[in-house]
Amino acid sequence: MKKLASFLAFLLFVATACDNEKVVDETKLPVNAQDYIEAHFPDARISQVVRDRDDLETSYDVILDNQVKLEFDKKGDCYSIESRHNEKLPDTVIPLKVLEYVQEHYPDAFITDWEKDRTDQEVRLSNNKELVFNLAGTFLRIDD
């Protein structure tokens, strides 16, 4: 029974050690991520960087002092940007085809969130509509 308890404790330790979130210094961000922030958010400063290691994947969650949250992969490529207070994201962070579609079809709205995964990308507008595009920027559907 003692061996079983020790074995279960060891399994619990291994399982929790695999999912590792840690606040790190901004210098630990990949250079591509640092350059991205500097280029697209020149007036904002980094408030916090959290490195997340999950199932052999490393990602970085960055919160800027203007309350924008960005997510980067281990190479420093951005795959998610979220404004905290329904504020407009800079046009420069939105793929051109997506931006043009939104400006043409929703001239009174602006993009507050953008997210990309392996198959598509999605934006949330200031009017709370969520639009889905393929990776090339072709409109697919409105997501409810």
C-alpha atoms as a PDB file:
ATOM      1  CA  MET A   1       0.000   0.000   0.000  1.00  0.00           C
ATOM      2  CA  LYS A   2       2.870   2.351   0.813  1.00  0.00           C
ATOM      3  CA  LYS A   3       4.443   1.671  -2.589  1.00  0.00           C
ATOM      4  CA  LEU A   4       1.130   2.410  -4.309  1.00  0.00           C
ATOM      5  CA  ALA A   5       0.769   5.724  -2.474  1.00  0.00           C
ATOM      6  CA  SER A   6       4.353   6.666  -3.383  1.00  0.00           C
ATOM      7  CA  PHE A   7       3.772   5.720  -7.011  1.00  0.00           C
ATOM      8  CA  LEU A   8       0.555   7.785  -7.182  1.00  0.00           C
ATOM      9  CA  ALA A   9       2.323  10.766  -5.598  1.00  0.00           C
ATOM     10  CA  PHE A  10       5.095  10.439  -8.192  1.00  0.00           C
ATOM     11  CA  LEU A  11       2.551  10.314 -11.051  1.00  0.00           C
ATOM     12  CA  LEU A  12       0.820  13.413  -9.689  1.00  0.00           C
ATOM     13  CA  PHE A  13       4.174  15.235  -9.515  1.00  0.00           C
ATOM     14  CA  VAL A  14       5.049  14.283 -13.099  1.00  0.00           C
ATOM     15  CA  ALA A  15       1.616  15.277 -14.400  1.00  0.00           C
ATOM     16  CA  THR A  16       1.720  18.697 -12.758  1.00  0.00           C
ATOM     17  CA  ALA A  17       5.336  19.305 -13.732  1.00  0.00           C
ATOM     18  CA  CYS A  18       4.421  19.014 -17.418  1.00  0.00           C
ATOM     19  CA  ASP A  19       2.025  21.977 -17.316  1.00  0.00           C
ATOM     20  CA  ASN A  20       4.297  24.809 -16.317  1.00  0.00           C
ATOM     21  CA  GLU A  21       3.365  28.479 -16.284  1.00  0.00           C
ATOM     22  CA  LYS A  22       6.018  30.852 -15.091  1.00  0.00           C
ATOM     23  CA  VAL A  23       6.323  34.632 -15.024  1.00  0.00           C
ATOM     24  CA  VAL A  24       9.562  35.508 -16.805  1.00  0.00           C
ATOM     25  CA  ASP A  25      11.477  38.659 -17.623  1.00  0.00           C
ATOM     26  CA  GLU A  26      10.600  40.287 -20.944  1.00  0.00           C
ATOM     27  CA  THR A  27      14.139  39.574 -22.172  1.00  0.00           C
ATOM     28  CA  LYS A  28      13.153  35.879 -22.220  1.00  0.00           C
ATOM     29  CA  LEU A  29      10.663  36.577 -25.024  1.00  0.00           C
ATOM     30  CA  PRO A  30      11.819  35.428 -28.468  1.00  0.00           C
ATOM     31  CA  VAL A  31      13.374  38.273 -30.457  1.00  0.00           C
ATOM     32  CA  ASN A  32      10.583  38.085 -33.060  1.00  0.00           C
ATOM     33  CA  ALA A  33       8.006  38.726 -30.325  1.00  0.00           C
ATOM     34  CA  GLN A  34       9.975  41.665 -28.931  1.00  0.00           C
ATOM     35  CA  ASP A  35      10.304  43.156 -32.426  1.00  0.00           C
ATOM     36  CA  TYR A  36       6.572  42.627 -33.086  1.00  0.00           C
ATOM     37  CA  ILE A  37       5.577  44.484 -29.924  1.00  0.00           C
ATOM     38  CA  GLU A  38       7.995  47.312 -30.645  1.00  0.00           C
ATOM     39  CA  ALA A  39       6.732  47.671 -34.236  1.00  0.00           C
ATOM     40  CA  HIS A  40       2.978  47.481 -33.591  1.00  0.00           C
ATOM     41  CA  PHE A  41       2.657  48.846 -30.046  1.00  0.00           C
ATOM     42  CA  PRO A  42       5.440  51.446 -29.852  1.00  0.00           C
ATOM     43  CA  ASP A  43       3.784  53.464 -27.069  1.00  0.00           C
ATOM     44  CA  ALA A  44       3.042  50.476 -24.843  1.00  0.00           C
ATOM     45  CA  ARG A  45       5.315  48.818 -22.337  1.00  0.00           C
ATOM     46  CA  ILE A  46       5.330  45.168 -21.355  1.00  0.00           C
ATOM     47  CA  SER A  47       3.700  44.667 -17.946  1.00  0.00           C
ATOM     48  CA  GLN A  48       3.998  40.893 -17.684  1.00  0.00           C
ATOM     49  CA  VAL A  49       5.292  37.883 -19.599  1.00  0.00           C
ATOM     50  CA  VAL A  50       4.143  34.369 -18.732  1.00  0.00           C
ATOM     51  CA  ARG A  51       5.914  31.425 -20.336  1.00  0.00           C
ATOM     52  CA  ASP A  52       3.607  28.436 -20.662  1.00  0.00           C
ATOM     53  CA  ARG A  53       4.976  24.959 -21.279  1.00  0.00           C
ATOM     54  CA  ASP A  54       2.245  22.496 -22.071  1.00  0.00           C
ATOM     55  CA  ASP A  55       2.674  19.107 -23.738  1.00  0.00           C
ATOM     56  CA  LEU A  56       6.146  19.969 -25.076  1.00  0.00           C
ATOM     57  CA  GLU A  57       4.818  23.236 -26.556  1.00  0.00           C
ATOM     58  CA  THR A  58       6.064  26.581 -25.314  1.00  0.00           C
ATOM     59  CA  SER A  59       4.081  29.782 -25.671  1.00  0.00           C
ATOM     60  CA  TYR A  60       4.237  33.261 -24.200  1.00  0.00           C
ATOM     61  CA  ASP A  61       1.362  35.352 -22.883  1.00  0.00           C
ATOM     62  CA  VAL A  62       2.217  39.050 -22.839  1.00  0.00           C
ATOM     63  CA  ILE A  63       0.185  41.778 -21.186  1.00  0.00           C
ATOM     64  CA  LEU A  64       0.975  45.349 -22.157  1.00  0.00           C
ATOM     65  CA  ASP A  65       0.407  48.393 -19.951  1.00  0.00           C
ATOM     66  CA  ASN A  66      -2.487  49.410 -22.217  1.00  0.00           C
ATOM     67  CA  GLN A  67      -4.171  46.103 -21.224  1.00  0.00           C
ATOM     68  CA  VAL A  68      -3.695  44.428 -24.609  1.00  0.00           C
ATOM     69  CA  LYS A  69      -2.961  40.716 -24.286  1.00  0.00           C
ATOM     70  CA  LEU A  70      -0.840  38.984 -26.930  1.00  0.00           C
ATOM     71  CA  GLU A  71       0.065  35.326 -27.334  1.00  0.00           C
ATOM     72  CA  PHE A  72       3.196  34.140 -29.118  1.00  0.00           C
ATOM     73  CA  ASP A  73       4.496  30.706 -30.026  1.00  0.00           C
ATOM     74  CA  LYS A  74       8.020  29.576 -29.170  1.00  0.00           C
ATOM     75  CA  LYS A  75       9.409  31.206 -32.355  1.00  0.00           C
ATOM     76  CA  GLY A  76       7.848  34.539 -31.444  1.00  0.00           C
ATOM     77  CA  ASP A  77       5.037  34.459 -34.001  1.00  0.00           C
ATOM     78  CA  CYS A  78       1.882  36.149 -32.733  1.00  0.00           C
ATOM     79  CA  TYR A  79      -1.302  34.094 -32.916  1.00  0.00           C
ATOM     80  CA  SER A  80      -3.688  36.017 -30.669  1.00  0.00           C
ATOM     81  CA  ILE A  81      -4.317  39.656 -29.729  1.00  0.00           C
ATOM     82  CA  GLU A  82      -7.068  40.760 -27.390  1.00  0.00           C
ATOM     83  CA  SER A  83      -7.935  44.268 -26.276  1.00  0.00           C
ATOM     84  CA  ARG A  84      -9.221  44.450 -22.728  1.00  0.00           C
ATOM     85  CA  HIS A  85     -11.678  47.305 -22.964  1.00  0.00           C
ATOM     86  CA  ASN A  86     -13.166  46.848 -26.432  1.00  0.00           C
ATOM     87  CA  GLU A  87     -10.514  49.136 -27.893  1.00  0.00           C
ATOM     88  CA  LYS A  88      -9.405  49.181 -31.513  1.00  0.00           C
ATOM     89  CA  LEU A  89      -6.390  47.086 -32.409  1.00  0.00           C
ATOM     90  CA  PRO A  90      -3.780  48.746 -34.632  1.00  0.00           C
ATOM     91  CA  ASP A  91      -4.532  48.123 -38.312  1.00  0.00           C
ATOM     92  CA  THR A  92      -0.952  46.920 -38.760  1.00  0.00           C
ATOM     93  CA  VAL A  93      -1.584  43.752 -36.731  1.00  0.00           C
ATOM     94  CA  ILE A  94      -4.511  42.618 -38.880  1.00  0.00           C
ATOM     95  CA  PRO A  95      -3.813  40.763 -42.142  1.00  0.00           C
ATOM     96  CA  LEU A  96      -4.587  43.129 -45.026  1.00  0.00           C
ATOM     97  CA  LYS A  97      -7.319  41.037 -46.666  1.00  0.00           C
ATOM     98  CA  VAL A  98      -9.162  40.661 -43.350  1.00  0.00           C
ATOM     99  CA  LEU A  99      -8.829  44.357 -42.588  1.00  0.00           C
ATOM    100  CA  GLU A 100     -10.132  45.346 -46.025  1.00  0.00           C
ATOM    101  CA  TYR A 101     -13.130  43.015 -45.684  1.00  0.00           C
ATOM    102  CA  VAL A 102     -14.055  44.482 -42.294  1.00  0.00           C
ATOM    103  CA  GLN A 103     -13.640  48.073 -43.497  1.00  0.00           C
ATOM    104  CA  GLU A 104     -15.803  47.404 -46.557  1.00  0.00           C
ATOM    105  CA  HIS A 105     -18.585  45.378 -44.915  1.00  0.00           C
ATOM    106  CA  TYR A 106     -18.607  46.899 -41.415  1.00  0.00           C
ATOM    107  CA  PRO A 107     -17.547  50.559 -41.869  1.00  0.00           C
ATOM    108  CA  ASP A 108     -18.950  51.596 -38.479  1.00  0.00           C
ATOM    109  CA  ALA A 109     -17.124  48.862 -36.543  1.00  0.00           C
ATOM    110  CA  PHE A 110     -13.500  48.127 -35.748  1.00  0.00           C
ATOM    111  CA  ILE A 111     -11.499  45.049 -34.771  1.00  0.00           C
ATOM    112  CA  THR A 112     -10.973  44.467 -31.042  1.00  0.00           C
ATOM    113  CA  ASP A 113      -9.589  40.887 -31.060  1.00  0.00           C
ATOM    114  CA  TRP A 114      -7.762  38.704 -33.557  1.00  0.00           C
ATOM    115  CA  GLU A 115      -6.843  35.029 -33.291  1.00  0.00           C
ATOM    116  CA  LYS A 116      -5.216  32.565 -35.671  1.00  0.00           C
ATOM    117  CA  ASP A 117      -4.981  28.803 -35.393  1.00  0.00           C
ATOM    118  CA  ARG A 118      -3.857  26.051 -37.761  1.00  0.00           C
ATOM    119  CA  THR A 119      -6.904  26.273 -40.040  1.00  0.00           C
ATOM    120  CA  ASP A 120      -8.419  29.757 -39.809  1.00  0.00           C
ATOM    121  CA  GLN A 121      -8.391  33.170 -38.216  1.00  0.00           C
ATOM    122  CA  GLU A 122     -11.116  35.002 -36.366  1.00  0.00           C
ATOM    123  CA  VAL A 123     -11.773  38.621 -35.487  1.00  0.00           C
ATOM    124  CA  ARG A 124     -14.181  40.166 -33.031  1.00  0.00           C
ATOM    125  CA  LEU A 125     -15.629  43.538 -33.935  1.00  0.00           C
ATOM    126  CA  SER A 126     -16.656  46.439 -31.726  1.00  0.00           C
ATOM    127  CA  ASN A 127     -20.292  45.507 -32.447  1.00  0.00           C
ATOM    128  CA  ASN A 128     -19.558  42.037 -30.939  1.00  0.00           C
ATOM    129  CA  LYS A 129     -19.800  40.178 -34.257  1.00  0.00           C
ATOM    130  CA  GLU A 130     -17.227  37.434 -34.730  1.00  0.00           C
ATOM    131  CA  LEU A 131     -16.029  36.840 -38.282  1.00  0.00           C
ATOM    132  CA  VAL A 132     -14.109  33.770 -39.420  1.00  0.00           C
ATOM    133  CA  PHE A 133     -11.627  33.795 -42.313  1.00  0.00           C
ATOM    134  CA  ASN A 134      -9.367  31.148 -43.771  1.00  0.00           C
ATOM    135  CA  LEU A 135      -5.614  31.602 -43.382  1.00  0.00           C
ATOM    136  CA  ALA A 136      -5.426  33.403 -46.748  1.00  0.00           C
ATOM    137  CA  GLY A 137      -7.923  35.995 -45.485  1.00  0.00           C
ATOM    138  CA  THR A 138     -11.019  34.877 -47.397  1.00  0.00           C
ATOM    139  CA  PHE A 139     -14.234  35.403 -45.459  1.00  0.00           C
ATOM    140  CA  LEU A 140     -15.897  32.142 -44.391  1.00  0.00           C
ATOM    141  CA  ARG A 141     -18.735  32.944 -41.992  1.00  0.00           C
ATOM    142  CA  ILE A 142     -20.113  34.901 -39.075  1.00  0.00           C
ATOM    143  CA  ASP A 143     -19.573  32.954 -35.864  1.00  0.00           C
ATOM    144  CA  ASP A 144     -22.292  33.131 -33.239  1.00  0.00           C
END
